[in-house]
Amino acid sequence: MRIVSYEIEGSSVDFYLISLTMGDVPSNVNRWRGQVGLAPASPEEITQDVKAFQVSGHDVKCIEIYNEDGGRGIIAAIVDLAPQYWYFTAKGSVDELKANAADIQKFLESIQIN
């Protein structure tokens, strides 16, 4: 399912892109929360945590999910190319993700879609 995987030098973060036809933000965020051992969040809580921006004229929704107690996290972005959606997902330890969060954000903001 992966289209491409990215390596973040000096880390064990798993950062990749997949493309699917479903773009429901709350369902995806709650699935990711479950993957790191967190309970589901309400749509209102998710809306507060999502950062929205645009790349190449397309809407992007980005969220950082950290389970401090479990030590795992996910930084994910959904690029709306309806009817297709691109999912950029970085999974790893909370410490490594936080250390690389600014660079991941810069990368996401630099995406060029033709």
C-alpha atoms as a PDB file:
ATOM      1  CA  MET A   1       0.000   0.000   0.000  1.00  0.00           C
ATOM      2  CA  ARG A   2       2.946   2.354   0.525  1.00  0.00           C
ATOM      3  CA  ILE A   3       3.813   4.602  -2.352  1.00  0.00           C
ATOM      4  CA  VAL A   4       7.082   5.816  -0.852  1.00  0.00           C
ATOM      5  CA  SER A   5       8.985   5.591   2.431  1.00  0.00           C
ATOM      6  CA  TYR A   6      11.189   8.348   3.806  1.00  0.00           C
ATOM      7  CA  GLU A   7      14.199   8.017   6.062  1.00  0.00           C
ATOM      8  CA  ILE A   8      14.837  10.593   8.759  1.00  0.00           C
ATOM      9  CA  GLU A   9      18.573  10.442   9.245  1.00  0.00           C
ATOM     10  CA  GLY A  10      19.654   9.456  12.732  1.00  0.00           C
ATOM     11  CA  SER A  11      16.214   8.198  13.756  1.00  0.00           C
ATOM     12  CA  SER A  12      14.130   5.053  13.658  1.00  0.00           C
ATOM     13  CA  VAL A  13      10.984   6.978  12.690  1.00  0.00           C
ATOM     14  CA  ASP A  14       8.890   5.162  10.042  1.00  0.00           C
ATOM     15  CA  PHE A  15       7.716   7.925   7.667  1.00  0.00           C
ATOM     16  CA  TYR A  16       5.711   7.012   4.563  1.00  0.00           C
ATOM     17  CA  LEU A  17       3.015   7.972   2.052  1.00  0.00           C
ATOM     18  CA  ILE A  18      -0.052   5.948   1.126  1.00  0.00           C
ATOM     19  CA  SER A  19      -2.968   6.905  -1.117  1.00  0.00           C
ATOM     20  CA  LEU A  20      -6.553   5.878  -0.377  1.00  0.00           C
ATOM     21  CA  THR A  21     -10.094   6.932  -1.278  1.00  0.00           C
ATOM     22  CA  MET A  22     -11.237   7.641   2.294  1.00  0.00           C
ATOM     23  CA  GLY A  23     -10.557  10.978   3.941  1.00  0.00           C
ATOM     24  CA  ASP A  24     -12.640  11.077   7.124  1.00  0.00           C
ATOM     25  CA  VAL A  25     -10.386  12.922   9.600  1.00  0.00           C
ATOM     26  CA  PRO A  26     -11.995  11.832  12.929  1.00  0.00           C
ATOM     27  CA  SER A  27     -12.022   8.139  11.982  1.00  0.00           C
ATOM     28  CA  ASN A  28      -8.399   8.226  10.863  1.00  0.00           C
ATOM     29  CA  VAL A  29      -7.237  10.195  13.898  1.00  0.00           C
ATOM     30  CA  ASN A  30      -8.984   7.794  16.264  1.00  0.00           C
ATOM     31  CA  ARG A  31      -7.467   4.820  14.429  1.00  0.00           C
ATOM     32  CA  TRP A  32      -4.014   6.388  14.853  1.00  0.00           C
ATOM     33  CA  ARG A  33      -4.743   7.150  18.509  1.00  0.00           C
ATOM     34  CA  GLY A  34      -5.580   3.475  19.019  1.00  0.00           C
ATOM     35  CA  GLN A  35      -2.308   2.456  17.361  1.00  0.00           C
ATOM     36  CA  VAL A  36      -0.346   4.324  20.047  1.00  0.00           C
ATOM     37  CA  GLY A  37      -2.566   3.162  22.915  1.00  0.00           C
ATOM     38  CA  LEU A  38      -4.789   6.217  23.386  1.00  0.00           C
ATOM     39  CA  ALA A  39      -8.561   6.306  23.773  1.00  0.00           C
ATOM     40  CA  PRO A  40     -10.673   7.812  20.979  1.00  0.00           C
ATOM     41  CA  ALA A  41     -11.162  11.574  20.990  1.00  0.00           C
ATOM     42  CA  SER A  42     -14.350  13.450  20.177  1.00  0.00           C
ATOM     43  CA  PRO A  43     -14.662  15.210  16.805  1.00  0.00           C
ATOM     44  CA  GLU A  44     -14.478  18.530  18.693  1.00  0.00           C
ATOM     45  CA  GLU A  45     -11.207  17.569  20.396  1.00  0.00           C
ATOM     46  CA  ILE A  46      -9.765  16.417  17.091  1.00  0.00           C
ATOM     47  CA  THR A  47     -10.753  19.670  15.369  1.00  0.00           C
ATOM     48  CA  GLN A  48      -8.904  21.630  18.072  1.00  0.00           C
ATOM     49  CA  ASP A  49      -5.731  19.554  17.594  1.00  0.00           C
ATOM     50  CA  VAL A  50      -5.643  19.542  13.785  1.00  0.00           C
ATOM     51  CA  LYS A  51      -3.443  22.082  12.008  1.00  0.00           C
ATOM     52  CA  ALA A  52      -4.840  23.045   8.616  1.00  0.00           C
ATOM     53  CA  PHE A  53      -2.817  24.511   5.752  1.00  0.00           C
ATOM     54  CA  GLN A  54      -2.574  24.274   1.969  1.00  0.00           C
ATOM     55  CA  VAL A  55       0.007  22.836  -0.406  1.00  0.00           C
ATOM     56  CA  SER A  56      -0.243  23.477  -4.134  1.00  0.00           C
ATOM     57  CA  GLY A  57      -3.816  24.699  -3.596  1.00  0.00           C
ATOM     58  CA  HIS A  58      -4.926  21.529  -1.767  1.00  0.00           C
ATOM     59  CA  ASP A  59      -6.179  21.325   1.813  1.00  0.00           C
ATOM     60  CA  VAL A  60      -3.960  19.511   4.311  1.00  0.00           C
ATOM     61  CA  LYS A  61      -4.931  18.467   7.816  1.00  0.00           C
ATOM     62  CA  CYS A  62      -2.013  17.600  10.103  1.00  0.00           C
ATOM     63  CA  ILE A  63      -2.032  16.224  13.642  1.00  0.00           C
ATOM     64  CA  GLU A  64       0.568  15.212  16.208  1.00  0.00           C
ATOM     65  CA  ILE A  65      -0.516  12.354  18.486  1.00  0.00           C
ATOM     66  CA  TYR A  66       1.661  11.476  21.474  1.00  0.00           C
ATOM     67  CA  ASN A  67       1.168   8.821  24.133  1.00  0.00           C
ATOM     68  CA  GLU A  68       3.655  10.106  26.697  1.00  0.00           C
ATOM     69  CA  ASP A  69       3.051   7.129  29.014  1.00  0.00           C
ATOM     70  CA  GLY A  70       3.451   4.552  26.245  1.00  0.00           C
ATOM     71  CA  GLY A  71       6.334   6.387  24.586  1.00  0.00           C
ATOM     72  CA  ARG A  72       4.873   6.087  21.055  1.00  0.00           C
ATOM     73  CA  GLY A  73       3.456   8.687  18.720  1.00  0.00           C
ATOM     74  CA  ILE A  74       2.312   9.536  15.225  1.00  0.00           C
ATOM     75  CA  ILE A  75       2.546  12.701  13.162  1.00  0.00           C
ATOM     76  CA  ALA A  76       0.079  12.408  10.299  1.00  0.00           C
ATOM     77  CA  ALA A  77      -1.145  14.589   7.466  1.00  0.00           C
ATOM     78  CA  ILE A  78      -4.076  14.058   5.125  1.00  0.00           C
ATOM     79  CA  VAL A  79      -3.814  15.813   1.759  1.00  0.00           C
ATOM     80  CA  ASP A  80      -7.233  16.248   0.158  1.00  0.00           C
ATOM     81  CA  LEU A  81      -7.009  15.290  -3.521  1.00  0.00           C
ATOM     82  CA  ALA A  82     -10.638  14.101  -3.568  1.00  0.00           C
ATOM     83  CA  PRO A  83     -11.685  11.570  -4.550  1.00  0.00           C
ATOM     84  CA  GLN A  84      -8.177  10.391  -3.585  1.00  0.00           C
ATOM     85  CA  TYR A  85      -6.333  11.281  -0.357  1.00  0.00           C
ATOM     86  CA  TRP A  86      -2.641  11.167   0.423  1.00  0.00           C
ATOM     87  CA  TYR A  87      -1.655  10.129   3.937  1.00  0.00           C
ATOM     88  CA  PHE A  88       1.801  11.050   5.195  1.00  0.00           C
ATOM     89  CA  THR A  89       2.426   9.207   8.440  1.00  0.00           C
ATOM     90  CA  ALA A  90       5.468   9.297  10.717  1.00  0.00           C
ATOM     91  CA  LYS A  91       5.461   6.711  13.497  1.00  0.00           C
ATOM     92  CA  GLY A  92       8.022   6.316  16.240  1.00  0.00           C
ATOM     93  CA  SER A  93       9.022   7.176  19.753  1.00  0.00           C
ATOM     94  CA  VAL A  94       7.630  10.356  21.282  1.00  0.00           C
ATOM     95  CA  ASP A  95      11.162  11.719  21.766  1.00  0.00           C
ATOM     96  CA  GLU A  96      12.231  11.104  18.154  1.00  0.00           C
ATOM     97  CA  LEU A  97       9.008  12.479  16.705  1.00  0.00           C
ATOM     98  CA  LYS A  98       9.157  15.634  18.808  1.00  0.00           C
ATOM     99  CA  ALA A  99      12.820  16.108  17.857  1.00  0.00           C
ATOM    100  CA  ASN A 100      11.887  15.879  14.146  1.00  0.00           C
ATOM    101  CA  ALA A 101       8.410  17.481  14.193  1.00  0.00           C
ATOM    102  CA  ALA A 102       9.523  20.856  12.811  1.00  0.00           C
ATOM    103  CA  ASP A 103      11.383  19.212   9.910  1.00  0.00           C
ATOM    104  CA  ILE A 104       8.425  16.934   9.160  1.00  0.00           C
ATOM    105  CA  GLN A 105       6.150  19.993   9.098  1.00  0.00           C
ATOM    106  CA  LYS A 106       8.537  21.838   6.739  1.00  0.00           C
ATOM    107  CA  PHE A 107       8.623  18.801   4.460  1.00  0.00           C
ATOM    108  CA  LEU A 108       4.815  18.594   4.382  1.00  0.00           C
ATOM    109  CA  GLU A 109       4.539  22.312   3.597  1.00  0.00           C
ATOM    110  CA  SER A 110       7.023  21.905   0.722  1.00  0.00           C
ATOM    111  CA  ILE A 111       5.057  19.235  -1.175  1.00  0.00           C
ATOM    112  CA  GLN A 112       4.445  20.162  -4.817  1.00  0.00           C
ATOM    113  CA  ILE A 113       1.410  18.576  -6.464  1.00  0.00           C
ATOM    114  CA  ASN A 114       1.053  18.975 -10.227  1.00  0.00           C
END
